[in-house]
Amino acid sequence: MVIFETNMGNIHIHLDKKNAPISSQNFINYVKDGFYDGTIFHRVIKNFMIQGGGFNKDMSQKPTKTEIENEAKNGLKNTKHTLAMARTVAPHSASSQFFINTQDNAFLDFPGQDGWGYCVFAKVVNGKRVVNKINQVTTSNKGTHANVPNDTVMIIKAYIQ
């Protein structure tokens, strides 16, 4: 179990190590390294997803580890309150960033629109109200970034329990 202590409340995350071993271990490694401490949810698209795991409060991007293999063929679905690896248009480009689905997003499931989809690797088991609260924040553009919360939503600390 991974716990995110955020400035809006705690989120408890259960990893699916059986169906998404690479993504789960990658996430655990970032948590153990303290990488997520002080990062923000930098992208919130209401009734779609909330994304975090890569930016500091000043919107500077953190350096990451090597990109990982996309495990989206694992049978897990992008349903409400699941976590998936964020990536670029390149299917195997996920590193530290993740998103929490705030509704069912079947179009992100394997094979998706690009033959790959987005790998689900965990689910929120406690703190769904916190996720729903983050989903409701107001956003705007900041520099080249769209859908950035107007008031910072920070992961104060991430740890394994």
N, C-alpha and C. Protein backbone atom coordinates (compact mmCIF):
# COMPACT_ATOMS: atom_id res chain seq x y z
N MET A 1 0.85 -1.18 0.00
CA MET A 1 0.00 0.00 0.00
C MET A 1 0.89 1.25 0.00
N VAL A 2 0.60 2.15 -0.91
CA VAL A 2 1.28 3.44 -0.95
C VAL A 2 0.30 4.50 -0.46
N ILE A 3 0.79 5.39 0.37
CA ILE A 3 -0.04 6.49 0.85
C ILE A 3 0.55 7.80 0.37
N PHE A 4 -0.31 8.60 -0.24
CA PHE A 4 0.02 9.97 -0.60
C PHE A 4 -0.61 10.87 0.46
N GLU A 5 0.23 11.61 1.16
CA GLU A 5 -0.28 12.67 2.02
C GLU A 5 -0.31 13.92 1.17
N THR A 6 -1.51 14.43 0.88
CA THR A 6 -1.63 15.64 0.06
C THR A 6 -2.16 16.77 0.91
N ASN A 7 -2.10 17.97 0.40
CA ASN A 7 -2.64 19.12 1.12
C ASN A 7 -4.17 19.14 1.08
N MET A 8 -4.77 18.14 0.44
CA MET A 8 -6.24 18.03 0.41
C MET A 8 -6.73 16.77 1.11
N GLY A 9 -5.80 15.99 1.67
CA GLY A 9 -6.15 14.74 2.36
C GLY A 9 -5.29 13.59 1.85
N ASN A 10 -5.45 12.44 2.49
CA ASN A 10 -4.64 11.28 2.14
C ASN A 10 -5.32 10.39 1.12
N ILE A 11 -4.49 9.79 0.26
CA ILE A 11 -4.95 8.85 -0.76
C ILE A 11 -4.17 7.55 -0.55
N HIS A 12 -4.91 6.45 -0.36
CA HIS A 12 -4.30 5.13 -0.16
C HIS A 12 -4.42 4.35 -1.46
N ILE A 13 -3.30 3.82 -1.92
CA ILE A 13 -3.20 3.19 -3.23
C ILE A 13 -2.75 1.74 -3.09
N HIS A 14 -3.53 0.84 -3.68
CA HIS A 14 -3.17 -0.58 -3.73
C HIS A 14 -2.59 -0.88 -5.11
N LEU A 15 -1.36 -1.39 -5.13
CA LEU A 15 -0.68 -1.73 -6.37
C LEU A 15 -1.04 -3.14 -6.81
N ASP A 16 -1.21 -3.34 -8.10
CA ASP A 16 -1.49 -4.67 -8.66
C ASP A 16 -0.17 -5.22 -9.21
N LYS A 17 0.65 -5.75 -8.30
CA LYS A 17 1.97 -6.25 -8.67
C LYS A 17 1.89 -7.49 -9.56
N LYS A 18 0.79 -8.22 -9.45
CA LYS A 18 0.63 -9.45 -10.25
C LYS A 18 0.42 -9.11 -11.73
N ASN A 19 -0.50 -8.19 -12.01
CA ASN A 19 -0.85 -7.88 -13.40
C ASN A 19 -0.01 -6.77 -14.02
N ALA A 20 0.63 -5.97 -13.18
CA ALA A 20 1.47 -4.87 -13.70
C ALA A 20 2.77 -4.81 -12.90
N PRO A 21 3.58 -5.86 -12.98
CA PRO A 21 4.80 -5.91 -12.15
C PRO A 21 5.82 -4.83 -12.46
N ILE A 22 6.02 -4.50 -13.72
CA ILE A 22 7.02 -3.50 -14.09
C ILE A 22 6.58 -2.11 -13.62
N SER A 23 5.34 -1.76 -13.90
CA SER A 23 4.82 -0.44 -13.52
C SER A 23 4.75 -0.30 -12.01
N SER A 24 4.31 -1.36 -11.32
CA SER A 24 4.22 -1.32 -9.86
C SER A 24 5.59 -1.12 -9.23
N GLN A 25 6.58 -1.89 -9.70
CA GLN A 25 7.94 -1.77 -9.14
C GLN A 25 8.52 -0.40 -9.44
N ASN A 26 8.28 0.11 -10.63
CA ASN A 26 8.74 1.44 -11.00
C ASN A 26 8.17 2.49 -10.03
N PHE A 27 6.88 2.41 -9.77
CA PHE A 27 6.19 3.34 -8.87
C PHE A 27 6.78 3.22 -7.46
N ILE A 28 6.96 1.99 -6.99
CA ILE A 28 7.54 1.75 -5.66
C ILE A 28 8.94 2.36 -5.58
N ASN A 29 9.74 2.20 -6.62
CA ASN A 29 11.10 2.76 -6.61
C ASN A 29 11.07 4.27 -6.46
N TYR A 30 10.15 4.93 -7.18
CA TYR A 30 10.03 6.39 -7.05
C TYR A 30 9.58 6.78 -5.64
N VAL A 31 8.65 6.02 -5.07
CA VAL A 31 8.18 6.30 -3.71
C VAL A 31 9.34 6.15 -2.72
N LYS A 32 10.05 5.03 -2.81
CA LYS A 32 11.18 4.77 -1.88
C LYS A 32 12.26 5.84 -1.98
N ASP A 33 12.45 6.38 -3.19
CA ASP A 33 13.47 7.41 -3.39
C ASP A 33 13.02 8.79 -2.90
N GLY A 34 11.74 8.91 -2.50
CA GLY A 34 11.22 10.22 -2.07
C GLY A 34 10.93 11.15 -3.23
N PHE A 35 10.90 10.60 -4.43
CA PHE A 35 10.73 11.41 -5.64
C PHE A 35 9.43 12.20 -5.64
N TYR A 36 8.35 11.58 -5.18
CA TYR A 36 7.03 12.24 -5.25
C TYR A 36 6.82 13.28 -4.15
N ASP A 37 7.65 13.27 -3.12
CA ASP A 37 7.51 14.25 -2.03
C ASP A 37 7.69 15.66 -2.58
N GLY A 38 6.69 16.50 -2.36
CA GLY A 38 6.78 17.88 -2.82
C GLY A 38 6.38 18.09 -4.27
N THR A 39 5.95 17.02 -4.96
CA THR A 39 5.47 17.20 -6.33
C THR A 39 3.99 17.57 -6.30
N ILE A 40 3.48 17.97 -7.44
CA ILE A 40 2.10 18.45 -7.50
C ILE A 40 1.27 17.63 -8.49
N PHE A 41 -0.03 17.74 -8.33
CA PHE A 41 -0.94 17.31 -9.39
C PHE A 41 -0.99 18.49 -10.34
N HIS A 42 -0.29 18.36 -11.45
CA HIS A 42 -0.07 19.50 -12.35
C HIS A 42 -1.10 19.60 -13.47
N ARG A 43 -1.93 18.59 -13.60
CA ARG A 43 -2.92 18.59 -14.69
C ARG A 43 -4.21 17.96 -14.19
N VAL A 44 -5.27 18.74 -14.19
CA VAL A 44 -6.57 18.24 -13.76
C VAL A 44 -7.59 18.55 -14.84
N ILE A 45 -8.14 17.51 -15.43
CA ILE A 45 -9.21 17.67 -16.41
C ILE A 45 -10.46 17.07 -15.78
N LYS A 46 -11.36 17.96 -15.39
CA LYS A 46 -12.55 17.56 -14.64
C LYS A 46 -13.30 16.43 -15.33
N ASN A 47 -13.68 15.45 -14.53
CA ASN A 47 -14.42 14.28 -14.99
C ASN A 47 -13.67 13.49 -16.07
N PHE A 48 -12.34 13.51 -15.99
CA PHE A 48 -11.50 12.69 -16.85
C PHE A 48 -10.38 12.09 -16.01
N MET A 49 -9.43 12.94 -15.56
CA MET A 49 -8.33 12.42 -14.77
C MET A 49 -7.58 13.55 -14.08
N ILE A 50 -6.80 13.15 -13.04
CA ILE A 50 -5.87 14.07 -12.37
C ILE A 50 -4.48 13.47 -12.52
N GLN A 51 -3.52 14.29 -12.96
CA GLN A 51 -2.18 13.79 -13.29
C GLN A 51 -1.13 14.41 -12.39
N GLY A 52 -0.19 13.59 -11.96
CA GLY A 52 0.90 14.08 -11.12
C GLY A 52 2.15 13.25 -11.32
N GLY A 53 3.13 13.51 -10.44
CA GLY A 53 4.33 12.70 -10.43
C GLY A 53 5.50 13.18 -11.25
N GLY A 54 5.50 14.46 -11.65
CA GLY A 54 6.63 14.90 -12.45
C GLY A 54 7.07 16.33 -12.27
N PHE A 55 6.24 17.15 -11.61
CA PHE A 55 6.54 18.57 -11.53
C PHE A 55 6.58 19.07 -10.09
N ASN A 56 7.48 20.04 -9.87
CA ASN A 56 7.53 20.76 -8.61
C ASN A 56 6.49 21.88 -8.62
N LYS A 57 6.33 22.52 -7.48
CA LYS A 57 5.33 23.60 -7.34
C LYS A 57 5.54 24.73 -8.34
N ASP A 58 6.78 24.99 -8.71
CA ASP A 58 7.08 26.07 -9.66
C ASP A 58 6.94 25.63 -11.12
N MET A 59 6.38 24.44 -11.33
CA MET A 59 6.17 23.85 -12.65
C MET A 59 7.47 23.46 -13.35
N SER A 60 8.54 23.30 -12.58
CA SER A 60 9.76 22.75 -13.15
C SER A 60 9.65 21.23 -13.14
N GLN A 61 10.07 20.61 -14.23
CA GLN A 61 9.96 19.17 -14.35
C GLN A 61 11.14 18.49 -13.68
N LYS A 62 10.87 17.43 -12.94
CA LYS A 62 11.93 16.69 -12.24
C LYS A 62 12.58 15.68 -13.20
N PRO A 63 13.88 15.49 -13.07
CA PRO A 63 14.55 14.47 -13.88
C PRO A 63 14.09 13.08 -13.44
N THR A 64 13.92 12.17 -14.40
CA THR A 64 13.37 10.85 -14.09
C THR A 64 14.34 9.73 -14.42
N LYS A 65 13.95 8.53 -14.02
CA LYS A 65 14.69 7.32 -14.35
C LYS A 65 14.35 6.92 -15.79
N THR A 66 14.86 5.80 -16.20
CA THR A 66 14.62 5.26 -17.53
C THR A 66 13.13 4.97 -17.75
N GLU A 67 12.70 5.15 -18.98
CA GLU A 67 11.31 4.85 -19.34
C GLU A 67 11.08 3.34 -19.26
N ILE A 68 9.81 2.96 -19.03
CA ILE A 68 9.49 1.55 -18.84
C ILE A 68 8.60 1.01 -19.96
N GLU A 69 8.53 -0.32 -20.00
CA GLU A 69 7.69 -1.01 -20.97
C GLU A 69 6.22 -0.78 -20.64
N ASN A 70 5.41 -0.57 -21.65
CA ASN A 70 3.98 -0.39 -21.48
C ASN A 70 3.33 -1.76 -21.26
N GLU A 71 2.68 -1.93 -20.10
CA GLU A 71 2.04 -3.20 -19.75
C GLU A 71 0.51 -3.13 -19.92
N ALA A 72 0.03 -2.27 -20.79
CA ALA A 72 -1.42 -2.06 -20.94
C ALA A 72 -2.18 -3.31 -21.37
N LYS A 73 -1.48 -4.33 -21.88
CA LYS A 73 -2.13 -5.58 -22.30
C LYS A 73 -2.49 -6.46 -21.10
N ASN A 74 -2.38 -5.94 -19.88
CA ASN A 74 -2.54 -6.74 -18.66
C ASN A 74 -3.99 -7.03 -18.28
N GLY A 75 -4.96 -6.53 -19.02
CA GLY A 75 -6.36 -6.80 -18.73
C GLY A 75 -7.01 -5.83 -17.76
N LEU A 76 -6.21 -4.99 -17.11
CA LEU A 76 -6.77 -4.00 -16.17
C LEU A 76 -7.36 -2.84 -16.97
N LYS A 77 -8.45 -2.30 -16.48
CA LYS A 77 -9.19 -1.26 -17.19
C LYS A 77 -9.05 0.10 -16.52
N ASN A 78 -9.11 1.15 -17.34
CA ASN A 78 -9.06 2.54 -16.85
C ASN A 78 -10.44 2.94 -16.33
N THR A 79 -10.78 2.39 -15.17
CA THR A 79 -12.05 2.70 -14.53
C THR A 79 -11.84 3.76 -13.45
N LYS A 80 -12.93 4.32 -12.99
CA LYS A 80 -12.86 5.39 -11.99
C LYS A 80 -12.03 4.94 -10.79
N HIS A 81 -11.12 5.81 -10.37
CA HIS A 81 -10.24 5.64 -9.21
C HIS A 81 -9.11 4.63 -9.42
N THR A 82 -8.81 4.29 -10.69
CA THR A 82 -7.62 3.49 -10.96
C THR A 82 -6.48 4.43 -11.34
N LEU A 83 -5.25 3.96 -11.13
CA LEU A 83 -4.06 4.71 -11.52
C LEU A 83 -3.46 4.07 -12.76
N ALA A 84 -3.03 4.91 -13.68
CA ALA A 84 -2.37 4.45 -14.89
C ALA A 84 -1.11 5.27 -15.11
N MET A 85 -0.19 4.69 -15.85
CA MET A 85 1.05 5.39 -16.17
C MET A 85 0.77 6.43 -17.26
N ALA A 86 1.23 7.65 -17.03
CA ALA A 86 1.16 8.69 -18.05
C ALA A 86 2.34 8.49 -19.00
N ARG A 87 2.13 8.87 -20.24
CA ARG A 87 3.20 8.72 -21.24
C ARG A 87 2.99 9.73 -22.35
N THR A 88 3.96 9.81 -23.23
CA THR A 88 3.84 10.65 -24.41
C THR A 88 3.16 9.83 -25.50
N VAL A 89 3.21 10.29 -26.73
CA VAL A 89 2.65 9.50 -27.84
C VAL A 89 3.42 8.20 -28.06
N ALA A 90 4.65 8.15 -27.60
CA ALA A 90 5.44 6.92 -27.70
C ALA A 90 4.91 5.92 -26.66
N PRO A 91 4.55 4.71 -27.08
CA PRO A 91 3.90 3.76 -26.17
C PRO A 91 4.72 3.37 -24.94
N HIS A 92 6.04 3.32 -25.08
CA HIS A 92 6.90 2.86 -23.98
C HIS A 92 7.69 4.03 -23.37
N SER A 93 7.00 5.14 -23.14
CA SER A 93 7.68 6.35 -22.66
C SER A 93 7.34 6.73 -21.22
N ALA A 94 6.59 5.87 -20.52
CA ALA A 94 6.24 6.18 -19.13
C ALA A 94 7.47 6.15 -18.24
N SER A 95 7.52 7.08 -17.29
CA SER A 95 8.60 7.07 -16.30
C SER A 95 7.99 7.31 -14.92
N SER A 96 7.93 8.55 -14.46
CA SER A 96 7.43 8.82 -13.11
C SER A 96 5.98 9.26 -13.06
N GLN A 97 5.47 9.84 -14.14
CA GLN A 97 4.14 10.43 -14.09
C GLN A 97 3.04 9.38 -14.20
N PHE A 98 1.96 9.67 -13.49
CA PHE A 98 0.80 8.78 -13.43
C PHE A 98 -0.45 9.65 -13.47
N PHE A 99 -1.58 9.01 -13.66
CA PHE A 99 -2.84 9.73 -13.51
C PHE A 99 -3.84 8.84 -12.81
N ILE A 100 -4.78 9.49 -12.14
CA ILE A 100 -5.89 8.80 -11.49
C ILE A 100 -7.13 9.12 -12.31
N ASN A 101 -7.77 8.08 -12.82
CA ASN A 101 -9.00 8.26 -13.59
C ASN A 101 -10.10 8.74 -12.65
N THR A 102 -10.82 9.79 -13.06
CA THR A 102 -11.91 10.30 -12.24
C THR A 102 -13.27 9.93 -12.84
N GLN A 103 -13.23 9.11 -13.87
CA GLN A 103 -14.42 8.46 -14.43
C GLN A 103 -13.92 7.26 -15.20
N ASP A 104 -14.82 6.42 -15.67
CA ASP A 104 -14.42 5.30 -16.51
C ASP A 104 -13.95 5.85 -17.86
N ASN A 105 -12.75 5.44 -18.26
CA ASN A 105 -12.14 5.93 -19.51
C ASN A 105 -11.74 4.74 -20.38
N ALA A 106 -12.73 4.01 -20.85
CA ALA A 106 -12.48 2.79 -21.63
C ALA A 106 -11.63 3.05 -22.87
N PHE A 107 -11.71 4.25 -23.44
CA PHE A 107 -10.92 4.53 -24.66
C PHE A 107 -9.42 4.53 -24.39
N LEU A 108 -9.01 4.54 -23.11
CA LEU A 108 -7.59 4.47 -22.76
C LEU A 108 -7.10 3.03 -22.59
N ASP A 109 -8.04 2.08 -22.53
CA ASP A 109 -7.67 0.68 -22.35
C ASP A 109 -6.98 0.14 -23.60
N PHE A 110 -6.15 -0.89 -23.40
CA PHE A 110 -5.54 -1.58 -24.54
C PHE A 110 -6.64 -2.06 -25.47
N PRO A 111 -6.54 -1.87 -26.79
CA PRO A 111 -5.41 -1.31 -27.54
C PRO A 111 -5.48 0.21 -27.67
N GLY A 112 -6.47 0.84 -27.09
CA GLY A 112 -6.55 2.29 -27.16
C GLY A 112 -6.69 2.79 -28.59
N GLN A 113 -6.37 4.03 -28.78
CA GLN A 113 -6.49 4.64 -30.10
C GLN A 113 -5.19 4.52 -30.90
N ASP A 114 -4.15 4.01 -30.22
CA ASP A 114 -2.83 3.95 -30.87
C ASP A 114 -2.25 2.54 -30.88
N GLY A 115 -3.06 1.54 -30.56
CA GLY A 115 -2.56 0.17 -30.54
C GLY A 115 -1.95 -0.23 -29.22
N TRP A 116 -1.90 0.69 -28.24
CA TRP A 116 -1.29 0.39 -26.96
C TRP A 116 -2.17 0.72 -25.77
N GLY A 117 -2.68 1.91 -25.69
CA GLY A 117 -3.44 2.31 -24.52
C GLY A 117 -2.53 2.71 -23.37
N TYR A 118 -3.14 2.86 -22.20
CA TYR A 118 -2.44 3.34 -21.00
C TYR A 118 -2.54 2.28 -19.91
N CYS A 119 -1.39 1.93 -19.34
CA CYS A 119 -1.29 0.83 -18.39
C CYS A 119 -1.83 1.19 -17.02
N VAL A 120 -2.89 0.50 -16.61
CA VAL A 120 -3.40 0.59 -15.24
C VAL A 120 -2.52 -0.31 -14.38
N PHE A 121 -2.12 0.20 -13.20
CA PHE A 121 -1.26 -0.59 -12.32
C PHE A 121 -1.68 -0.54 -10.86
N ALA A 122 -2.72 0.24 -10.54
CA ALA A 122 -3.11 0.38 -9.13
C ALA A 122 -4.52 0.96 -9.05
N LYS A 123 -5.03 0.99 -7.82
CA LYS A 123 -6.34 1.61 -7.60
C LYS A 123 -6.36 2.29 -6.23
N VAL A 124 -7.18 3.32 -6.15
CA VAL A 124 -7.38 4.03 -4.88
C VAL A 124 -8.33 3.18 -4.04
N VAL A 125 -7.90 2.83 -2.83
CA VAL A 125 -8.74 2.03 -1.95
C VAL A 125 -9.29 2.85 -0.78
N ASN A 126 -8.68 3.98 -0.52
CA ASN A 126 -9.16 4.89 0.51
C ASN A 126 -8.73 6.30 0.08
N GLY A 127 -9.60 7.27 0.29
CA GLY A 127 -9.28 8.62 -0.14
C GLY A 127 -9.95 8.99 -1.45
N LYS A 128 -10.96 8.25 -1.83
CA LYS A 128 -11.69 8.56 -3.07
C LYS A 128 -12.32 9.95 -2.99
N ARG A 129 -12.74 10.35 -1.79
CA ARG A 129 -13.30 11.70 -1.62
C ARG A 129 -12.25 12.76 -1.92
N VAL A 130 -11.00 12.49 -1.56
CA VAL A 130 -9.90 13.42 -1.84
C VAL A 130 -9.71 13.53 -3.35
N VAL A 131 -9.69 12.38 -4.03
CA VAL A 131 -9.56 12.38 -5.50
C VAL A 131 -10.70 13.17 -6.12
N ASN A 132 -11.91 12.95 -5.63
CA ASN A 132 -13.08 13.66 -6.16
C ASN A 132 -12.98 15.16 -5.91
N LYS A 133 -12.40 15.53 -4.77
CA LYS A 133 -12.21 16.95 -4.44
C LYS A 133 -11.19 17.58 -5.40
N ILE A 134 -10.10 16.87 -5.65
CA ILE A 134 -9.08 17.37 -6.58
C ILE A 134 -9.69 17.51 -7.98
N ASN A 135 -10.53 16.58 -8.36
CA ASN A 135 -11.21 16.61 -9.66
C ASN A 135 -12.01 17.89 -9.87
N GLN A 136 -12.43 18.53 -8.78
CA GLN A 136 -13.30 19.71 -8.85
C GLN A 136 -12.54 21.05 -8.83
N VAL A 137 -11.21 21.03 -8.68
CA VAL A 137 -10.48 22.29 -8.56
C VAL A 137 -10.56 23.10 -9.86
N THR A 138 -10.45 24.40 -9.73
CA THR A 138 -10.41 25.25 -10.92
C THR A 138 -8.99 25.25 -11.49
N THR A 139 -8.92 25.35 -12.80
CA THR A 139 -7.63 25.28 -13.49
C THR A 139 -7.50 26.41 -14.49
N SER A 140 -6.27 26.61 -14.94
CA SER A 140 -5.99 27.58 -16.00
C SER A 140 -4.69 27.18 -16.68
N ASN A 141 -4.27 27.96 -17.64
CA ASN A 141 -3.00 27.71 -18.32
C ASN A 141 -1.88 28.42 -17.57
N LYS A 142 -0.74 27.76 -17.46
CA LYS A 142 0.46 28.35 -16.87
C LYS A 142 1.60 28.09 -17.83
N GLY A 143 2.04 29.12 -18.51
CA GLY A 143 3.07 28.95 -19.53
C GLY A 143 2.54 28.06 -20.63
N THR A 144 3.28 27.00 -20.94
CA THR A 144 2.86 26.08 -22.00
C THR A 144 1.98 24.95 -21.48
N HIS A 145 1.66 24.98 -20.19
CA HIS A 145 0.89 23.90 -19.57
C HIS A 145 -0.58 24.29 -19.43
N ALA A 146 -1.45 23.38 -19.83
CA ALA A 146 -2.89 23.60 -19.72
C ALA A 146 -3.45 22.79 -18.55
N ASN A 147 -4.61 23.21 -18.05
CA ASN A 147 -5.33 22.48 -17.01
C ASN A 147 -4.55 22.38 -15.70
N VAL A 148 -3.81 23.42 -15.36
CA VAL A 148 -3.03 23.46 -14.13
C VAL A 148 -3.91 24.02 -13.02
N PRO A 149 -4.00 23.33 -11.88
CA PRO A 149 -4.81 23.85 -10.77
C PRO A 149 -4.39 25.27 -10.39
N ASN A 150 -5.38 26.13 -10.17
CA ASN A 150 -5.09 27.51 -9.74
C ASN A 150 -4.48 27.54 -8.35
N ASP A 151 -4.95 26.65 -7.48
CA ASP A 151 -4.38 26.50 -6.14
C ASP A 151 -3.63 25.18 -6.13
N THR A 152 -2.38 25.22 -5.71
CA THR A 152 -1.50 24.06 -5.74
C THR A 152 -2.11 22.86 -5.01
N VAL A 153 -2.08 21.71 -5.68
CA VAL A 153 -2.47 20.43 -5.07
C VAL A 153 -1.18 19.63 -4.97
N MET A 154 -0.66 19.51 -3.75
CA MET A 154 0.67 18.94 -3.54
C MET A 154 0.64 17.58 -2.87
N ILE A 155 1.54 16.72 -3.34
CA ILE A 155 1.84 15.49 -2.62
C ILE A 155 2.93 15.87 -1.63
N ILE A 156 2.55 16.01 -0.39
CA ILE A 156 3.50 16.41 0.65
C ILE A 156 4.51 15.30 0.88
N LYS A 157 3.98 14.07 0.98
CA LYS A 157 4.84 12.91 1.22
C LYS A 157 4.16 11.67 0.66
N ALA A 158 4.97 10.79 0.09
CA ALA A 158 4.50 9.49 -0.38
C ALA A 158 5.32 8.42 0.32
N TYR A 159 4.64 7.40 0.84
CA TYR A 159 5.37 6.34 1.53
C TYR A 159 4.61 5.02 1.43
N ILE A 160 5.36 3.96 1.73
CA ILE A 160 4.80 2.60 1.69
C ILE A 160 4.42 2.21 3.11
N GLN A 161 3.22 1.66 3.24
CA GLN A 161 2.76 1.22 4.55
C GLN A 161 2.61 -0.28 4.55
